[in-house]
Every structure is written in structure tokens, then in C-alpha cells.
Amino acid sequence: MNINSEYDKDGVGNSEEAMDACMSVISNLLIEPAMANDQLNPHEAEMLGTVAEALSIIAKKAYCYEKMLDTNNTSPYTNN
């Protein structure tokens, strides 16, 4: 499914890029129109900001995990 006119045919490179792409679509399709039409109150806007920060942290941690697996070439669970 091509949801972005600037779609990269090679796919998303890592978890941070995937999260950025998802957040961009959510913002463009849902948040910006809702704000432009005064459908979000300040509390809801603040909650969305907090959710965005949480998702950003999750993406950064996932990216770190991806890098760990890429550089080590062994599963971190082999010694368990």
C-alpha cells in the first residue's frame, strides 16, 4: 500500500524512519485538520504530544536494538 507520494520503493530503512513516516501520516491526515477546525482542545493536544514523545522513545530504543543486532551478528539470547 502506497500511503505517501514520496514512497521509497526500497522500503523503510529502520524503526526510526518507520515511526517518522507513520507519525507524519497521522499528523497530516488527522491532527493538523483537527487543529485547523478547532476540534482539539488544549488538553487533547497535550496528550497527543505526550503520545508522540512516547512513540519516539520506543522508536529510538528499537533502533538501538536493530543496531546491536547488526553489529554483533549473534542473537543476544544465545547465552541464555
C-alpha atoms as a PDB file:
ATOM      1  CA  MET A   1       0.000   0.000   0.000  1.00  0.00           C
ATOM      2  CA  ASN A   2       1.471   3.324  -1.038  1.00  0.00           C
ATOM      3  CA  ILE A   3       0.411   5.922   1.531  1.00  0.00           C
ATOM      4  CA  ASN A   4       2.994   8.538   0.652  1.00  0.00           C
ATOM      5  CA  SER A   5       3.554  10.165  -2.721  1.00  0.00           C
ATOM      6  CA  GLU A   6       7.276  10.168  -1.963  1.00  0.00           C
ATOM      7  CA  TYR A   7       7.220   6.430  -1.209  1.00  0.00           C
ATOM      8  CA  ASP A   8      10.628   4.798  -1.142  1.00  0.00           C
ATOM      9  CA  LYS A   9      10.357   1.624  -3.206  1.00  0.00           C
ATOM     10  CA  ASP A  10      13.144   0.021  -1.172  1.00  0.00           C
ATOM     11  CA  GLY A  11      11.033   0.301   1.965  1.00  0.00           C
ATOM     12  CA  VAL A  12      11.724   1.958   5.275  1.00  0.00           C
ATOM     13  CA  GLY A  13      15.295   1.517   6.426  1.00  0.00           C
ATOM     14  CA  ASN A  14      14.876   1.272  10.180  1.00  0.00           C
ATOM     15  CA  SER A  15      12.442   1.665  13.050  1.00  0.00           C
ATOM     16  CA  GLU A  16      13.070   5.399  13.466  1.00  0.00           C
ATOM     17  CA  GLU A  17      12.318   6.026   9.795  1.00  0.00           C
ATOM     18  CA  ALA A  18       9.206   3.856  10.039  1.00  0.00           C
ATOM     19  CA  MET A  19       7.976   5.780  13.078  1.00  0.00           C
ATOM     20  CA  ASP A  20       8.692   9.129  11.404  1.00  0.00           C
ATOM     21  CA  ALA A  21       6.700   8.036   8.353  1.00  0.00           C
ATOM     22  CA  CYS A  22       3.771   6.859  10.491  1.00  0.00           C
ATOM     23  CA  MET A  23       3.776   9.996  12.629  1.00  0.00           C
ATOM     24  CA  SER A  24       3.866  12.166   9.518  1.00  0.00           C
ATOM     25  CA  VAL A  25       0.821  10.425   8.041  1.00  0.00           C
ATOM     26  CA  ILE A  26      -1.086  10.636  11.330  1.00  0.00           C
ATOM     27  CA  SER A  27      -0.236  14.312  11.626  1.00  0.00           C
ATOM     28  CA  ASN A  28      -1.141  15.181   8.045  1.00  0.00           C
ATOM     29  CA  LEU A  29      -4.362  13.182   7.880  1.00  0.00           C
ATOM     30  CA  LEU A  30      -5.724  13.571  11.389  1.00  0.00           C
ATOM     31  CA  ILE A  31      -4.048  16.012  13.749  1.00  0.00           C
ATOM     32  CA  GLU A  32      -3.465  19.036  11.514  1.00  0.00           C
ATOM     33  CA  PRO A  33      -7.020  19.040  10.097  1.00  0.00           C
ATOM     34  CA  ALA A  34      -8.478  18.609  13.590  1.00  0.00           C
ATOM     35  CA  MET A  35      -6.421  21.526  14.901  1.00  0.00           C
ATOM     36  CA  ALA A  36      -7.318  23.699  11.907  1.00  0.00           C
ATOM     37  CA  ASN A  37     -11.009  23.067  12.598  1.00  0.00           C
ATOM     38  CA  ASP A  38     -10.692  23.631  16.359  1.00  0.00           C
ATOM     39  CA  GLN A  39     -11.635  20.018  17.093  1.00  0.00           C
ATOM     40  CA  LEU A  40      -8.854  19.511  19.637  1.00  0.00           C
ATOM     41  CA  ASN A  41      -8.828  21.242  22.985  1.00  0.00           C
ATOM     42  CA  PRO A  42      -5.509  22.134  24.683  1.00  0.00           C
ATOM     43  CA  HIS A  43      -5.635  19.058  26.923  1.00  0.00           C
ATOM     44  CA  GLU A  44      -6.108  16.730  23.940  1.00  0.00           C
ATOM     45  CA  ALA A  45      -3.275  18.449  22.059  1.00  0.00           C
ATOM     46  CA  GLU A  46      -1.021  17.990  25.096  1.00  0.00           C
ATOM     47  CA  MET A  47      -1.948  14.307  25.337  1.00  0.00           C
ATOM     48  CA  LEU A  48      -1.117  13.825  21.649  1.00  0.00           C
ATOM     49  CA  GLY A  49       2.256  15.465  22.242  1.00  0.00           C
ATOM     50  CA  THR A  50       2.943  13.080  25.111  1.00  0.00           C
ATOM     51  CA  VAL A  51       1.966  10.100  22.950  1.00  0.00           C
ATOM     52  CA  ALA A  52       4.276  11.355  20.180  1.00  0.00           C
ATOM     53  CA  GLU A  53       7.169  11.598  22.655  1.00  0.00           C
ATOM     54  CA  ALA A  54       6.488   8.062  23.919  1.00  0.00           C
ATOM     55  CA  LEU A  55       6.407   6.669  20.387  1.00  0.00           C
ATOM     56  CA  SER A  56       9.639   8.493  19.601  1.00  0.00           C
ATOM     57  CA  ILE A  57      11.333   6.876  22.611  1.00  0.00           C
ATOM     58  CA  ILE A  58      10.058   3.457  21.542  1.00  0.00           C
ATOM     59  CA  ALA A  59      11.421   4.004  18.019  1.00  0.00           C
ATOM     60  CA  LYS A  60      14.822   5.094  19.352  1.00  0.00           C
ATOM     61  CA  LYS A  61      15.068   2.024  21.574  1.00  0.00           C
ATOM     62  CA  ALA A  62      14.031  -0.234  18.702  1.00  0.00           C
ATOM     63  CA  TYR A  63      16.667   1.397  16.507  1.00  0.00           C
ATOM     64  CA  CYS A  64      19.332   0.799  19.155  1.00  0.00           C
ATOM     65  CA  TYR A  65      18.279  -2.847  19.294  1.00  0.00           C
ATOM     66  CA  GLU A  66      18.478  -3.076  15.486  1.00  0.00           C
ATOM     67  CA  LYS A  67      21.991  -1.610  15.553  1.00  0.00           C
ATOM     68  CA  MET A  68      23.041  -4.020  18.297  1.00  0.00           C
ATOM     69  CA  LEU A  69      21.904  -6.979  16.212  1.00  0.00           C
ATOM     70  CA  ASP A  70      23.523  -5.592  13.057  1.00  0.00           C
ATOM     71  CA  THR A  71      26.943  -5.089  14.652  1.00  0.00           C
ATOM     72  CA  ASN A  72      27.041  -8.247  16.715  1.00  0.00           C
ATOM     73  CA  ASN A  73      25.718 -10.759  14.156  1.00  0.00           C
ATOM     74  CA  THR A  74      24.729 -13.054  17.023  1.00  0.00           C
ATOM     75  CA  SER A  75      21.486 -13.197  18.862  1.00  0.00           C
ATOM     76  CA  PRO A  76      21.610 -11.536  22.293  1.00  0.00           C
ATOM     77  CA  TYR A  77      19.724 -14.586  23.561  1.00  0.00           C
ATOM     78  CA  THR A  78      22.298 -17.233  22.615  1.00  0.00           C
ATOM     79  CA  ASN A  79      23.854 -17.253  26.096  1.00  0.00           C
ATOM     80  CA  ASN A  80      20.534 -17.562  27.936  1.00  0.00           C
END
